[in-house]
Amino acid sequence: MQDIKKYLSVAPVISTLWFGSLAGLLIEINRLFPDALSFPFF
């Protein structure tokens, strides 16, 4: 039971850090290559 409680307290922190870094990476890629996401549609 302790392991489940420990996992439930660690998993949101890890996922928040992961999604935050992923969002930052996507923002920086979009800043360096601004038309990369819309380029195939034109």
PDB file of N, CA and C in Angstrom:
ATOM      1  N   MET A   1       0.825  -1.204   0.000  1.00  0.00           N
ATOM      2  CA  MET A   1       0.000   0.000   0.000  1.00  0.00           C
ATOM      3  C   MET A   1       0.866   1.263   0.000  1.00  0.00           C
ATOM      4  N   GLN A   2       2.005   1.198   0.687  1.00  0.00           N
ATOM      5  CA  GLN A   2       2.907   2.343   0.688  1.00  0.00           C
ATOM      6  C   GLN A   2       3.444   2.628  -0.713  1.00  0.00           C
ATOM      7  N   ASP A   3       3.727   1.553  -1.464  1.00  0.00           N
ATOM      8  CA  ASP A   3       4.261   1.749  -2.813  1.00  0.00           C
ATOM      9  C   ASP A   3       3.247   2.432  -3.716  1.00  0.00           C
ATOM     10  N   ILE A   4       1.967   2.074  -3.561  1.00  0.00           N
ATOM     11  CA  ILE A   4       0.926   2.702  -4.383  1.00  0.00           C
ATOM     12  C   ILE A   4       0.804   4.179  -4.041  1.00  0.00           C
ATOM     13  N   LYS A   5       0.844   4.507  -2.754  1.00  0.00           N
ATOM     14  CA  LYS A   5       0.758   5.913  -2.349  1.00  0.00           C
ATOM     15  C   LYS A   5       1.980   6.691  -2.817  1.00  0.00           C
ATOM     16  N   LYS A   6       3.147   6.053  -2.760  1.00  0.00           N
ATOM     17  CA  LYS A   6       4.361   6.718  -3.233  1.00  0.00           C
ATOM     18  C   LYS A   6       4.287   6.954  -4.739  1.00  0.00           C
ATOM     19  N   TYR A   7       3.781   5.958  -5.487  1.00  0.00           N
ATOM     20  CA  TYR A   7       3.644   6.117  -6.931  1.00  0.00           C
ATOM     21  C   TYR A   7       2.657   7.227  -7.268  1.00  0.00           C
ATOM     22  N   LEU A   8       1.543   7.274  -6.535  1.00  0.00           N
ATOM     23  CA  LEU A   8       0.534   8.293  -6.813  1.00  0.00           C
ATOM     24  C   LEU A   8       1.019   9.693  -6.466  1.00  0.00           C
ATOM     25  N   SER A   9       2.016   9.800  -5.599  1.00  0.00           N
ATOM     26  CA  SER A   9       2.555  11.118  -5.290  1.00  0.00           C
ATOM     27  C   SER A   9       3.698  11.499  -6.227  1.00  0.00           C
ATOM     28  N   VAL A  10       4.362  10.508  -6.827  1.00  0.00           N
ATOM     29  CA  VAL A  10       5.499  10.797  -7.706  1.00  0.00           C
ATOM     30  C   VAL A  10       5.052  10.979  -9.152  1.00  0.00           C
ATOM     31  N   ALA A  11       4.053  10.218  -9.584  1.00  0.00           N
ATOM     32  CA  ALA A  11       3.646  10.236 -10.991  1.00  0.00           C
ATOM     33  C   ALA A  11       3.175  11.614 -11.472  1.00  0.00           C
ATOM     34  N   PRO A  12       2.370  12.376 -10.722  1.00  0.00           N
ATOM     35  CA  PRO A  12       1.977  13.704 -11.220  1.00  0.00           C
ATOM     36  C   PRO A  12       3.157  14.655 -11.361  1.00  0.00           C
ATOM     37  N   VAL A  13       4.139  14.536 -10.470  1.00  0.00           N
ATOM     38  CA  VAL A  13       5.307  15.414 -10.554  1.00  0.00           C
ATOM     39  C   VAL A  13       6.112  15.094 -11.805  1.00  0.00           C
ATOM     40  N   ILE A  14       6.339  13.805 -12.057  1.00  0.00           N
ATOM     41  CA  ILE A  14       7.100  13.394 -13.237  1.00  0.00           C
ATOM     42  C   ILE A  14       6.369  13.793 -14.515  1.00  0.00           C
ATOM     43  N   SER A  15       5.049  13.572 -14.555  1.00  0.00           N
ATOM     44  CA  SER A  15       4.300  13.908 -15.768  1.00  0.00           C
ATOM     45  C   SER A  15       4.242  15.415 -15.980  1.00  0.00           C
ATOM     46  N   THR A  16       4.154  16.197 -14.903  1.00  0.00           N
ATOM     47  CA  THR A  16       4.157  17.651 -15.053  1.00  0.00           C
ATOM     48  C   THR A  16       5.487  18.134 -15.610  1.00  0.00           C
ATOM     49  N   LEU A  17       6.590  17.597 -15.083  1.00  0.00           N
ATOM     50  CA  LEU A  17       7.902  17.976 -15.604  1.00  0.00           C
ATOM     51  C   LEU A  17       8.067  17.547 -17.058  1.00  0.00           C
ATOM     52  N   TRP A  18       7.585  16.339 -17.395  1.00  0.00           N
ATOM     53  CA  TRP A  18       7.722  15.835 -18.756  1.00  0.00           C
ATOM     54  C   TRP A  18       6.927  16.684 -19.746  1.00  0.00           C
ATOM     55  N   PHE A  19       5.632  16.951 -19.411  1.00  0.00           N
ATOM     56  CA  PHE A  19       4.816  17.731 -20.331  1.00  0.00           C
ATOM     57  C   PHE A  19       5.268  19.185 -20.396  1.00  0.00           C
ATOM     58  N   GLY A  20       5.782  19.703 -19.299  1.00  0.00           N
ATOM     59  CA  GLY A  20       6.306  21.065 -19.323  1.00  0.00           C
ATOM     60  C   GLY A  20       7.525  21.188 -20.212  1.00  0.00           C
ATOM     61  N   SER A  21       8.441  20.223 -20.099  1.00  0.00           N
ATOM     62  CA  SER A  21       9.631  20.268 -20.950  1.00  0.00           C
ATOM     63  C   SER A  21       9.277  20.007 -22.408  1.00  0.00           C
ATOM     64  N   LEU A  22       8.305  19.132 -22.645  1.00  0.00           N
ATOM     65  CA  LEU A  22       7.882  18.876 -24.018  1.00  0.00           C
ATOM     66  C   LEU A  22       7.239  20.115 -24.638  1.00  0.00           C
ATOM     67  N   ALA A  23       6.416  20.814 -23.860  1.00  0.00           N
ATOM     68  CA  ALA A  23       5.802  22.047 -24.361  1.00  0.00           C
ATOM     69  C   ALA A  23       6.859  23.106 -24.630  1.00  0.00           C
ATOM     70  N   GLY A  24       7.837  23.225 -23.746  1.00  0.00           N
ATOM     71  CA  GLY A  24       8.913  24.183 -23.970  1.00  0.00           C
ATOM     72  C   GLY A  24       9.725  23.853 -25.206  1.00  0.00           C
ATOM     73  N   LEU A  25       9.975  22.572 -25.425  1.00  0.00           N
ATOM     74  CA  LEU A  25      10.716  22.154 -26.613  1.00  0.00           C
ATOM     75  C   LEU A  25       9.938  22.475 -27.884  1.00  0.00           C
ATOM     76  N   LEU A  26       8.632  22.197 -27.874  1.00  0.00           N
ATOM     77  CA  LEU A  26       7.820  22.513 -29.048  1.00  0.00           C
ATOM     78  C   LEU A  26       7.757  24.013 -29.296  1.00  0.00           C
ATOM     79  N   ILE A  27       7.699  24.811 -28.235  1.00  0.00           N
ATOM     80  CA  ILE A  27       7.671  26.264 -28.390  1.00  0.00           C
ATOM     81  C   ILE A  27       8.982  26.759 -28.992  1.00  0.00           C
ATOM     82  N   GLU A  28      10.098  26.222 -28.520  1.00  0.00           N
ATOM     83  CA  GLU A  28      11.388  26.655 -29.052  1.00  0.00           C
ATOM     84  C   GLU A  28      11.569  26.220 -30.502  1.00  0.00           C
ATOM     85  N   ILE A  29      11.137  25.009 -30.854  1.00  0.00           N
ATOM     86  CA  ILE A  29      11.214  24.567 -32.252  1.00  0.00           C
ATOM     87  C   ILE A  29      10.353  25.466 -33.129  1.00  0.00           C
ATOM     88  N   ASN A  30       9.151  25.811 -32.636  1.00  0.00           N
ATOM     89  CA  ASN A  30       8.264  26.665 -33.408  1.00  0.00           C
ATOM     90  C   ASN A  30       8.810  28.084 -33.495  1.00  0.00           C
ATOM     91  N   ARG A  31       9.617  28.500 -32.513  1.00  0.00           N
ATOM     92  CA  ARG A  31      10.221  29.832 -32.570  1.00  0.00           C
ATOM     93  C   ARG A  31      11.368  29.855 -33.578  1.00  0.00           C
ATOM     94  N   LEU A  32      12.139  28.762 -33.649  1.00  0.00           N
ATOM     95  CA  LEU A  32      13.276  28.719 -34.564  1.00  0.00           C
ATOM     96  C   LEU A  32      12.833  28.455 -36.002  1.00  0.00           C
ATOM     97  N   PHE A  33      11.831  27.581 -36.175  1.00  0.00           N
ATOM     98  CA  PHE A  33      11.304  27.254 -37.497  1.00  0.00           C
ATOM     99  C   PHE A  33       9.809  27.569 -37.490  1.00  0.00           C
ATOM    100  N   PRO A  34       9.425  28.830 -37.695  1.00  0.00           N
ATOM    101  CA  PRO A  34       8.039  29.235 -37.420  1.00  0.00           C
ATOM    102  C   PRO A  34       7.004  28.594 -38.330  1.00  0.00           C
ATOM    103  N   ASP A  35       7.358  28.220 -39.553  1.00  0.00           N
ATOM    104  CA  ASP A  35       6.359  27.691 -40.473  1.00  0.00           C
ATOM    105  C   ASP A  35       6.432  26.178 -40.603  1.00  0.00           C
ATOM    106  N   ALA A  36       7.125  25.513 -39.699  1.00  0.00           N
ATOM    107  CA  ALA A  36       7.313  24.069 -39.832  1.00  0.00           C
ATOM    108  C   ALA A  36       6.000  23.311 -39.654  1.00  0.00           C
ATOM    109  N   LEU A  37       5.096  23.841 -38.810  1.00  0.00           N
ATOM    110  CA  LEU A  37       3.851  23.120 -38.568  1.00  0.00           C
ATOM    111  C   LEU A  37       2.840  23.335 -39.689  1.00  0.00           C
ATOM    112  N   SER A  38       2.877  24.512 -40.326  1.00  0.00           N
ATOM    113  CA  SER A  38       1.895  24.802 -41.369  1.00  0.00           C
ATOM    114  C   SER A  38       2.485  24.663 -42.772  1.00  0.00           C
ATOM    115  N   PHE A  39       3.761  24.351 -42.893  1.00  0.00           N
ATOM    116  CA  PHE A  39       4.418  24.287 -44.200  1.00  0.00           C
ATOM    117  C   PHE A  39       3.827  23.231 -45.129  1.00  0.00           C
ATOM    118  N   PRO A  40       3.501  22.003 -44.660  1.00  0.00           N
ATOM    119  CA  PRO A  40       3.004  20.996 -45.614  1.00  0.00           C
ATOM    120  C   PRO A  40       1.641  21.332 -46.205  1.00  0.00           C
ATOM    121  N   PHE A  41       0.912  22.270 -45.617  1.00  0.00           N
ATOM    122  CA  PHE A  41      -0.435  22.559 -46.105  1.00  0.00           C
ATOM    123  C   PHE A  41      -0.450  23.612 -47.203  1.00  0.00           C
ATOM    124  N   PHE A  42       0.718  24.215 -47.510  1.00  0.00           N
ATOM    125  CA  PHE A  42       0.738  25.263 -48.534  1.00  0.00           C
ATOM    126  C   PHE A  42       1.497  24.805 -49.762  1.00  0.00           C
TER     127      PHE A  42
END
